[in-house]
Structures are given as C-alpha cells and as structure tokens.
Amino acid sequence: MTDTELTNLVKEISLNFFGKEFKSNARFNSRLRTTGGRYHLREDYIDINPEILERYDQEVLSGIIKHELCHYHLYHEIGKHSHNSKAFNDLLKSVGGSKYAPALKPRNHRQKVYKIYQCVNCGLEYRRVKKINTRRFVCGKCRGKLAFIKETTN
C-alpha cells in the first residue's frame, strides 16, 4: 500500500464513520517503533506505522486510523485534548476505534547476569549485577570476607 492509497483509505474511513471530510495527508512512517500511529497537530497529517499493515489484518489498521482520526477531528473542533478526555473516549467508542495499538516488537530484554558472593564467616549470600571488589567490601552482617561463588541468569 502506498501513501496515496493510505490517504484515500483514511478519507474513506473518515467519511463513513465520522461523516466528516479528512482534508490532510496520511503516510507511512517506519521510524515509529512502539506506536501504531500519530497525529501531528502543527503539520496536520497522520503517520501510520507500516508494521501494522505487515503483521496484522485490515481491521487492526482501521482501528488505529479511527483512533488518529478522533484526534484529528477533535483538534479541528475543540482544540487540544487528551486521551483521557471524555470527548475523545466517547468519540472513539462511537466509531469503534482501538484505544491501544497491538504489540509491535517482541521484548528482547537481555537477561541480567548476576554474580553470587558468599560470606566466608556466616555464609550469607549476596546477589549482585555489578561486580564487587572483594578486597574492599565485607559482609554487612558480620564484617567477614566475601568470596565469589558463581554467575547465574536467574
């Protein structure tokens, strides 16, 4: 789908669901990472994340477009508003738009590597992400010497 096809789709959804004309442009923006779309107030256009079209069906795309059109039409009618405003939520519910975009990126968090230290005197274990200088730091309970035991991910 090209940007002109996207703009035509947005205009069609605007007329069918809002009964109002969309007089601006819509385009795909691959720099959007965590959101499905964005309405730019000053420049007066809508950005849509192209991954929505690749990963999900037309219904999800339509829900995101309706969400952004709610911002567009409310801004042109009443000015600035928020996601929490009653006008926004009522309009979004009446047209059947989606409140949130579906998950786009799998969460690839690196697993933390923990270092396990144990007190030589009392046996108390310490689990730290950062390395401890065992020559400088001692056990907080008995002031005994610390010894490195192992590294673990959980």
Protein backbone atom coordinates (compact mmCIF):
# COMPACT_ATOMS: atom_id res chain seq x y z
CA MET A 1 0.00 0.00 0.00
CA THR A 2 1.36 3.42 -0.94
CA ASP A 3 0.94 6.70 0.90
CA THR A 4 -1.72 7.87 -1.56
CA GLU A 5 -3.67 4.64 -1.07
CA LEU A 6 -3.35 5.11 2.69
CA THR A 7 -4.62 8.70 2.40
CA ASN A 8 -7.59 7.50 0.34
CA LEU A 9 -8.34 4.81 2.94
CA VAL A 10 -8.21 7.41 5.73
CA LYS A 11 -10.54 9.71 3.76
CA GLU A 12 -12.97 6.84 3.20
CA ILE A 13 -12.97 5.84 6.89
CA SER A 14 -13.44 9.48 7.88
CA LEU A 15 -16.48 9.89 5.65
CA ASN A 16 -18.05 6.53 6.58
CA PHE A 17 -17.55 6.61 10.35
CA PHE A 18 -17.24 10.29 11.25
CA GLY A 19 -19.37 11.82 8.49
CA LYS A 20 -16.64 14.43 8.01
CA GLU A 21 -14.04 15.02 5.37
CA PHE A 22 -10.35 14.37 6.00
CA LYS A 23 -8.56 17.27 4.29
CA SER A 24 -4.99 16.35 5.14
CA ASN A 25 -2.50 13.61 4.25
CA ALA A 26 -1.65 10.26 5.76
CA ARG A 27 1.63 8.46 5.27
CA PHE A 28 3.62 5.52 6.49
CA ASN A 29 6.47 6.26 8.87
CA SER A 30 8.88 3.40 9.51
CA ARG A 31 10.56 5.32 12.33
CA LEU A 32 7.57 4.71 14.58
CA ARG A 33 8.61 1.86 16.84
CA THR A 34 6.19 1.45 19.72
CA THR A 35 3.03 3.13 18.45
CA GLY A 36 0.58 2.31 15.70
CA GLY A 37 0.10 5.86 14.52
CA ARG A 38 0.47 9.51 15.36
CA TYR A 39 -1.42 12.69 14.51
CA HIS A 40 0.85 15.73 14.13
CA LEU A 41 -1.01 18.84 15.23
CA ARG A 42 1.22 21.52 13.76
CA GLU A 43 1.88 19.90 10.40
CA ASP A 44 -1.66 18.47 10.29
CA TYR A 45 -1.02 14.95 9.00
CA ILE A 46 -1.27 11.38 10.22
CA ASP A 47 1.62 8.91 10.44
CA ILE A 48 0.92 5.19 10.43
CA ASN A 49 3.43 2.51 11.38
CA PRO A 50 3.92 0.22 8.34
CA GLU A 51 4.46 -2.79 10.62
CA ILE A 52 0.75 -2.69 11.48
CA LEU A 53 -0.06 -3.48 7.87
CA GLU A 54 2.61 -6.20 7.67
CA ARG A 55 1.80 -8.01 10.92
CA TYR A 56 -1.94 -7.51 11.37
CA ASP A 57 -5.10 -7.50 9.31
CA GLN A 58 -7.04 -4.61 7.79
CA GLU A 59 -9.34 -4.42 10.84
CA VAL A 60 -6.46 -3.53 13.18
CA LEU A 61 -5.23 -0.89 10.72
CA SER A 62 -8.76 0.51 10.54
CA GLY A 63 -8.93 0.73 14.35
CA ILE A 64 -5.69 2.67 14.50
CA ILE A 65 -6.80 5.01 11.72
CA LYS A 66 -10.05 5.66 13.61
CA HIS A 67 -8.04 6.46 16.72
CA GLU A 68 -5.91 9.00 14.87
CA LEU A 69 -8.97 10.44 13.13
CA CYS A 70 -10.52 11.03 16.56
CA HIS A 71 -7.50 13.18 17.38
CA TYR A 72 -7.75 14.91 14.01
CA HIS A 73 -11.45 15.76 14.17
CA LEU A 74 -11.45 16.73 17.85
CA TYR A 75 -8.47 19.00 17.34
CA HIS A 76 -10.24 20.75 14.48
CA GLU A 77 -13.47 21.07 16.51
CA ILE A 78 -12.46 21.82 20.10
CA GLY A 79 -8.68 22.24 20.04
CA LYS A 80 -6.23 20.40 22.24
CA HIS A 81 -7.47 17.38 24.15
CA SER A 82 -6.03 14.28 25.78
CA HIS A 83 -6.55 10.54 25.64
CA ASN A 84 -8.33 10.82 28.97
CA SER A 85 -10.85 13.43 27.91
CA LYS A 86 -14.50 12.43 27.85
CA ALA A 87 -14.98 13.79 24.33
CA PHE A 88 -12.13 11.66 22.98
CA ASN A 89 -13.26 8.47 24.71
CA ASP A 90 -16.88 8.95 23.68
CA LEU A 91 -15.96 9.58 20.04
CA LEU A 92 -13.54 6.65 19.99
CA LYS A 93 -16.18 4.32 21.41
CA SER A 94 -18.87 5.53 18.98
CA VAL A 95 -16.73 4.87 15.87
CA GLY A 96 -15.22 1.61 17.16
CA GLY A 97 -11.58 2.71 17.17
CA SER A 98 -8.86 0.97 19.12
CA LYS A 99 -7.63 2.57 22.33
CA TYR A 100 -4.21 0.90 22.11
CA ALA A 101 -2.07 -0.44 19.30
CA PRO A 102 -1.19 -4.14 19.44
CA ALA A 103 2.32 -5.15 20.44
CA LEU A 104 4.74 -4.43 17.64
CA LYS A 105 8.15 -5.55 18.82
CA PRO A 106 8.89 -8.63 20.85
CA ARG A 107 10.52 -7.59 24.07
CA ASN A 108 14.12 -8.66 23.61
CA HIS A 109 15.42 -7.81 27.02
CA ARG A 110 18.87 -9.08 27.67
CA GLN A 111 18.91 -11.36 30.64
CA LYS A 112 20.79 -9.94 33.58
CA VAL A 113 23.82 -11.88 34.72
CA TYR A 114 24.01 -11.99 38.49
CA LYS A 115 27.20 -12.58 40.45
CA ILE A 116 26.78 -14.60 43.64
CA TYR A 117 29.04 -13.80 46.58
CA GLN A 118 29.11 -15.57 49.94
CA CYS A 119 30.47 -14.54 53.30
CA VAL A 120 33.25 -16.84 54.47
CA ASN A 121 32.27 -16.45 58.16
CA CYS A 122 28.45 -16.52 58.34
CA GLY A 123 27.57 -17.93 54.90
CA LEU A 124 25.23 -15.06 53.91
CA GLU A 125 24.81 -14.87 50.13
CA TYR A 126 24.81 -11.66 48.10
CA ARG A 127 23.37 -11.49 44.61
CA ARG A 128 24.60 -8.52 42.57
CA VAL A 129 24.53 -7.40 38.94
CA LYS A 130 27.74 -5.42 39.30
CA LYS A 131 30.99 -6.96 40.31
CA ILE A 132 32.02 -6.44 43.94
CA ASN A 133 35.60 -5.66 44.91
CA THR A 134 36.12 -8.42 47.49
CA ARG A 135 39.32 -6.80 48.80
CA ARG A 136 37.45 -3.63 49.72
CA PHE A 137 33.91 -4.72 50.67
CA VAL A 138 32.94 -7.05 53.52
CA CYS A 139 29.80 -8.77 54.77
CA GLY A 140 27.23 -6.34 56.13
CA LYS A 141 26.16 -8.73 58.87
CA CYS A 142 29.40 -9.98 60.43
CA ARG A 143 32.09 -7.94 58.60
CA GLY A 144 33.56 -11.20 57.26
CA LYS A 145 35.39 -11.62 53.97
CA LEU A 146 33.35 -12.12 50.75
CA ALA A 147 34.14 -14.84 48.22
CA PHE A 148 32.87 -15.06 44.62
CA ILE A 149 30.81 -18.22 44.12
CA LYS A 150 29.27 -18.20 40.62
CA GLU A 151 27.40 -16.29 37.88
CA THR A 152 23.76 -17.02 37.13
CA THR A 153 20.98 -15.58 34.97
CA ASN A 154 18.11 -16.02 37.44
